[in-house]
């Protein structure tokens, strides 16, 4: 017997953080990256809206997002910019925390996508 342990709320949590990240990147003048994460958000919404859980779609989305963290991607080196120094510092701290939170969610989801055979 095989079972997948992914509740819909976990995917909704992923969608929320992807949207938050997209808005943050847009506010920090990194529109290209904002568009990438907006696309990922749209993909997560499609997964949520399906009646039946589609582990293949979720796995593909997770892999695509994780690719932003590794290799030659500039995602992990982004520095947001804002004219106001305090706002600039706040945005970059928020980006740091959001990126870390997203990676944590991805790792949790990935672990739950594994088929548990009993």
C-alpha atoms as a PDB file:
ATOM      1  CA  UNK A   1       0.000   0.000   0.000  1.00  0.00           C
ATOM      2  CA  UNK A   2       1.404   3.396  -0.949  1.00  0.00           C
ATOM      3  CA  UNK A   3       0.328   6.728   0.415  1.00  0.00           C
ATOM      4  CA  UNK A   4       1.240  10.325  -0.086  1.00  0.00           C
ATOM      5  CA  UNK A   5       1.211  12.624   2.906  1.00  0.00           C
ATOM      6  CA  UNK A   6       0.541  16.016   1.352  1.00  0.00           C
ATOM      7  CA  UNK A   7      -2.408  18.011   2.574  1.00  0.00           C
ATOM      8  CA  UNK A   8      -3.860  20.782   0.401  1.00  0.00           C
ATOM      9  CA  UNK A   9      -3.020  23.391   3.056  1.00  0.00           C
ATOM     10  CA  UNK A  10       0.670  22.678   2.548  1.00  0.00           C
ATOM     11  CA  UNK A  11       0.406  23.555  -1.127  1.00  0.00           C
ATOM     12  CA  UNK A  12      -1.597  26.670  -0.211  1.00  0.00           C
ATOM     13  CA  UNK A  13       1.245  27.622   2.143  1.00  0.00           C
ATOM     14  CA  UNK A  14       3.657  27.241  -0.776  1.00  0.00           C
ATOM     15  CA  UNK A  15       1.409  29.418  -2.964  1.00  0.00           C
ATOM     16  CA  UNK A  16       1.288  32.142  -0.301  1.00  0.00           C
ATOM     17  CA  UNK A  17       5.058  32.316   0.092  1.00  0.00           C
ATOM     18  CA  UNK A  18       5.553  32.307  -3.704  1.00  0.00           C
ATOM     19  CA  UNK A  19       3.151  35.249  -3.997  1.00  0.00           C
ATOM     20  CA  UNK A  20       4.841  37.071  -1.107  1.00  0.00           C
ATOM     21  CA  UNK A  21       8.226  36.554  -2.749  1.00  0.00           C
ATOM     22  CA  UNK A  22       6.956  37.791  -6.105  1.00  0.00           C
ATOM     23  CA  UNK A  23       5.582  40.994  -4.551  1.00  0.00           C
ATOM     24  CA  UNK A  24       8.782  41.567  -2.590  1.00  0.00           C
ATOM     25  CA  UNK A  25      10.961  41.116  -5.681  1.00  0.00           C
ATOM     26  CA  UNK A  26       8.753  43.497  -7.656  1.00  0.00           C
ATOM     27  CA  UNK A  27       8.984  46.121  -4.893  1.00  0.00           C
ATOM     28  CA  UNK A  28      12.775  45.713  -4.887  1.00  0.00           C
ATOM     29  CA  UNK A  29      13.165  46.481  -8.593  1.00  0.00           C
ATOM     30  CA  UNK A  30      13.876  42.907  -9.671  1.00  0.00           C
ATOM     31  CA  UNK A  31      10.963  42.469 -12.074  1.00  0.00           C
ATOM     32  CA  UNK A  32      12.431  39.524 -13.978  1.00  0.00           C
ATOM     33  CA  UNK A  33      12.699  37.471 -10.804  1.00  0.00           C
ATOM     34  CA  UNK A  34       9.290  38.733  -9.669  1.00  0.00           C
ATOM     35  CA  UNK A  35       7.811  37.375 -12.906  1.00  0.00           C
ATOM     36  CA  UNK A  36       9.510  33.995 -12.382  1.00  0.00           C
ATOM     37  CA  UNK A  37       7.989  33.623  -8.924  1.00  0.00           C
ATOM     38  CA  UNK A  38       4.642  34.943 -10.105  1.00  0.00           C
ATOM     39  CA  UNK A  39       4.667  32.125 -12.672  1.00  0.00           C
ATOM     40  CA  UNK A  40       5.529  29.604  -9.944  1.00  0.00           C
ATOM     41  CA  UNK A  41       2.616  30.993  -7.907  1.00  0.00           C
ATOM     42  CA  UNK A  42       0.277  30.495 -10.873  1.00  0.00           C
ATOM     43  CA  UNK A  43       1.498  26.906 -11.224  1.00  0.00           C
ATOM     44  CA  UNK A  44       0.873  26.247  -7.532  1.00  0.00           C
ATOM     45  CA  UNK A  45      -2.673  27.637  -7.895  1.00  0.00           C
ATOM     46  CA  UNK A  46      -3.326  25.193 -10.757  1.00  0.00           C
ATOM     47  CA  UNK A  47      -2.214  22.298  -8.550  1.00  0.00           C
ATOM     48  CA  UNK A  48      -4.488  23.480  -5.729  1.00  0.00           C
ATOM     49  CA  UNK A  49      -7.500  23.895  -8.031  1.00  0.00           C
ATOM     50  CA  UNK A  50      -7.402  20.317  -9.357  1.00  0.00           C
ATOM     51  CA  UNK A  51      -9.873  17.881  -7.828  1.00  0.00           C
ATOM     52  CA  UNK A  52      -7.298  15.113  -7.648  1.00  0.00           C
ATOM     53  CA  UNK A  53      -3.853  15.639  -6.224  1.00  0.00           C
ATOM     54  CA  UNK A  54      -1.209  15.572  -8.964  1.00  0.00           C
ATOM     55  CA  UNK A  55       2.121  14.593  -7.392  1.00  0.00           C
ATOM     56  CA  UNK A  56       3.958  14.838 -10.726  1.00  0.00           C
ATOM     57  CA  UNK A  57       2.984  18.499 -11.204  1.00  0.00           C
ATOM     58  CA  UNK A  58       3.997  19.338  -7.645  1.00  0.00           C
ATOM     59  CA  UNK A  59       7.301  17.505  -8.015  1.00  0.00           C
ATOM     60  CA  UNK A  60       8.055  19.381 -11.255  1.00  0.00           C
ATOM     61  CA  UNK A  61       7.219  22.722  -9.611  1.00  0.00           C
ATOM     62  CA  UNK A  62       9.451  21.943  -6.617  1.00  0.00           C
ATOM     63  CA  UNK A  63      12.364  21.006  -8.886  1.00  0.00           C
ATOM     64  CA  UNK A  64      11.936  24.180 -10.957  1.00  0.00           C
ATOM     65  CA  UNK A  65      11.890  26.385  -7.862  1.00  0.00           C
ATOM     66  CA  UNK A  66      14.861  24.591  -6.305  1.00  0.00           C
ATOM     67  CA  UNK A  67      16.851  25.217  -9.503  1.00  0.00           C
ATOM     68  CA  UNK A  68      16.694  28.917  -8.589  1.00  0.00           C
ATOM     69  CA  UNK A  69      18.728  28.181  -5.448  1.00  0.00           C
ATOM     70  CA  UNK A  70      21.487  26.126  -7.039  1.00  0.00           C
ATOM     71  CA  UNK A  71      23.939  26.291  -9.889  1.00  0.00           C
ATOM     72  CA  UNK A  72      24.712  29.566 -11.576  1.00  0.00           C
ATOM     73  CA  UNK A  73      21.391  31.177 -10.636  1.00  0.00           C
ATOM     74  CA  UNK A  74      21.566  34.712  -9.295  1.00  0.00           C
ATOM     75  CA  UNK A  75      18.475  34.223  -7.103  1.00  0.00           C
ATOM     76  CA  UNK A  76      20.483  33.582  -3.961  1.00  0.00           C
ATOM     77  CA  UNK A  77      22.566  36.722  -4.578  1.00  0.00           C
ATOM     78  CA  UNK A  78      19.755  39.194  -5.233  1.00  0.00           C
ATOM     79  CA  UNK A  79      19.927  42.463  -3.360  1.00  0.00           C
ATOM     80  CA  UNK A  80      16.759  44.517  -3.398  1.00  0.00           C
ATOM     81  CA  UNK A  81      16.921  48.259  -3.811  1.00  0.00           C
ATOM     82  CA  UNK A  82      14.829  51.055  -2.345  1.00  0.00           C
ATOM     83  CA  UNK A  83      15.594  54.773  -2.049  1.00  0.00           C
ATOM     84  CA  UNK A  84      14.821  54.825   1.665  1.00  0.00           C
ATOM     85  CA  UNK A  85      17.702  53.226   3.598  1.00  0.00           C
ATOM     86  CA  UNK A  86      15.499  51.774   6.369  1.00  0.00           C
ATOM     87  CA  UNK A  87      13.020  50.360   3.869  1.00  0.00           C
ATOM     88  CA  UNK A  88      15.906  48.943   1.853  1.00  0.00           C
ATOM     89  CA  UNK A  89      17.264  47.137   4.925  1.00  0.00           C
ATOM     90  CA  UNK A  90      13.788  45.877   5.877  1.00  0.00           C
ATOM     91  CA  UNK A  91      13.115  44.559   2.362  1.00  0.00           C
ATOM     92  CA  UNK A  92      16.437  42.722   2.146  1.00  0.00           C
ATOM     93  CA  UNK A  93      15.933  41.156   5.585  1.00  0.00           C
ATOM     94  CA  UNK A  94      12.451  40.079   4.499  1.00  0.00           C
ATOM     95  CA  UNK A  95      13.874  38.632   1.270  1.00  0.00           C
ATOM     96  CA  UNK A  96      16.454  36.652   3.240  1.00  0.00           C
ATOM     97  CA  UNK A  97      13.806  35.211   5.572  1.00  0.00           C
ATOM     98  CA  UNK A  98      11.315  34.511   2.777  1.00  0.00           C
ATOM     99  CA  UNK A  99      13.919  32.708   0.653  1.00  0.00           C
ATOM    100  CA  UNK A 100      14.868  30.555   3.655  1.00  0.00           C
ATOM    101  CA  UNK A 101      11.190  29.864   4.442  1.00  0.00           C
ATOM    102  CA  UNK A 102      10.492  28.866   0.862  1.00  0.00           C
ATOM    103  CA  UNK A 103      13.406  26.440   0.811  1.00  0.00           C
ATOM    104  CA  UNK A 104      12.174  24.892   4.073  1.00  0.00           C
ATOM    105  CA  UNK A 105       8.670  24.389   2.635  1.00  0.00           C
ATOM    106  CA  UNK A 106      10.124  22.886  -0.546  1.00  0.00           C
ATOM    107  CA  UNK A 107      12.210  20.407   1.436  1.00  0.00           C
ATOM    108  CA  UNK A 108       9.200  19.407   3.562  1.00  0.00           C
ATOM    109  CA  UNK A 109       6.996  18.910   0.504  1.00  0.00           C
ATOM    110  CA  UNK A 110       9.707  16.972  -1.286  1.00  0.00           C
ATOM    111  CA  UNK A 111      10.045  14.658   1.694  1.00  0.00           C
ATOM    112  CA  UNK A 112       6.309  14.057   1.717  1.00  0.00           C
ATOM    113  CA  UNK A 113       6.212  13.304  -2.009  1.00  0.00           C
ATOM    114  CA  UNK A 114       8.201  10.149  -1.385  1.00  0.00           C
ATOM    115  CA  UNK A 115       5.983   7.102  -1.544  1.00  0.00           C
ATOM    116  CA  UNK A 116       5.852   5.429   1.821  1.00  0.00           C
ATOM    117  CA  UNK A 117       5.437   1.700   1.323  1.00  0.00           C
ATOM    118  CA  UNK A 118       4.168  -0.386   4.209  1.00  0.00           C
END
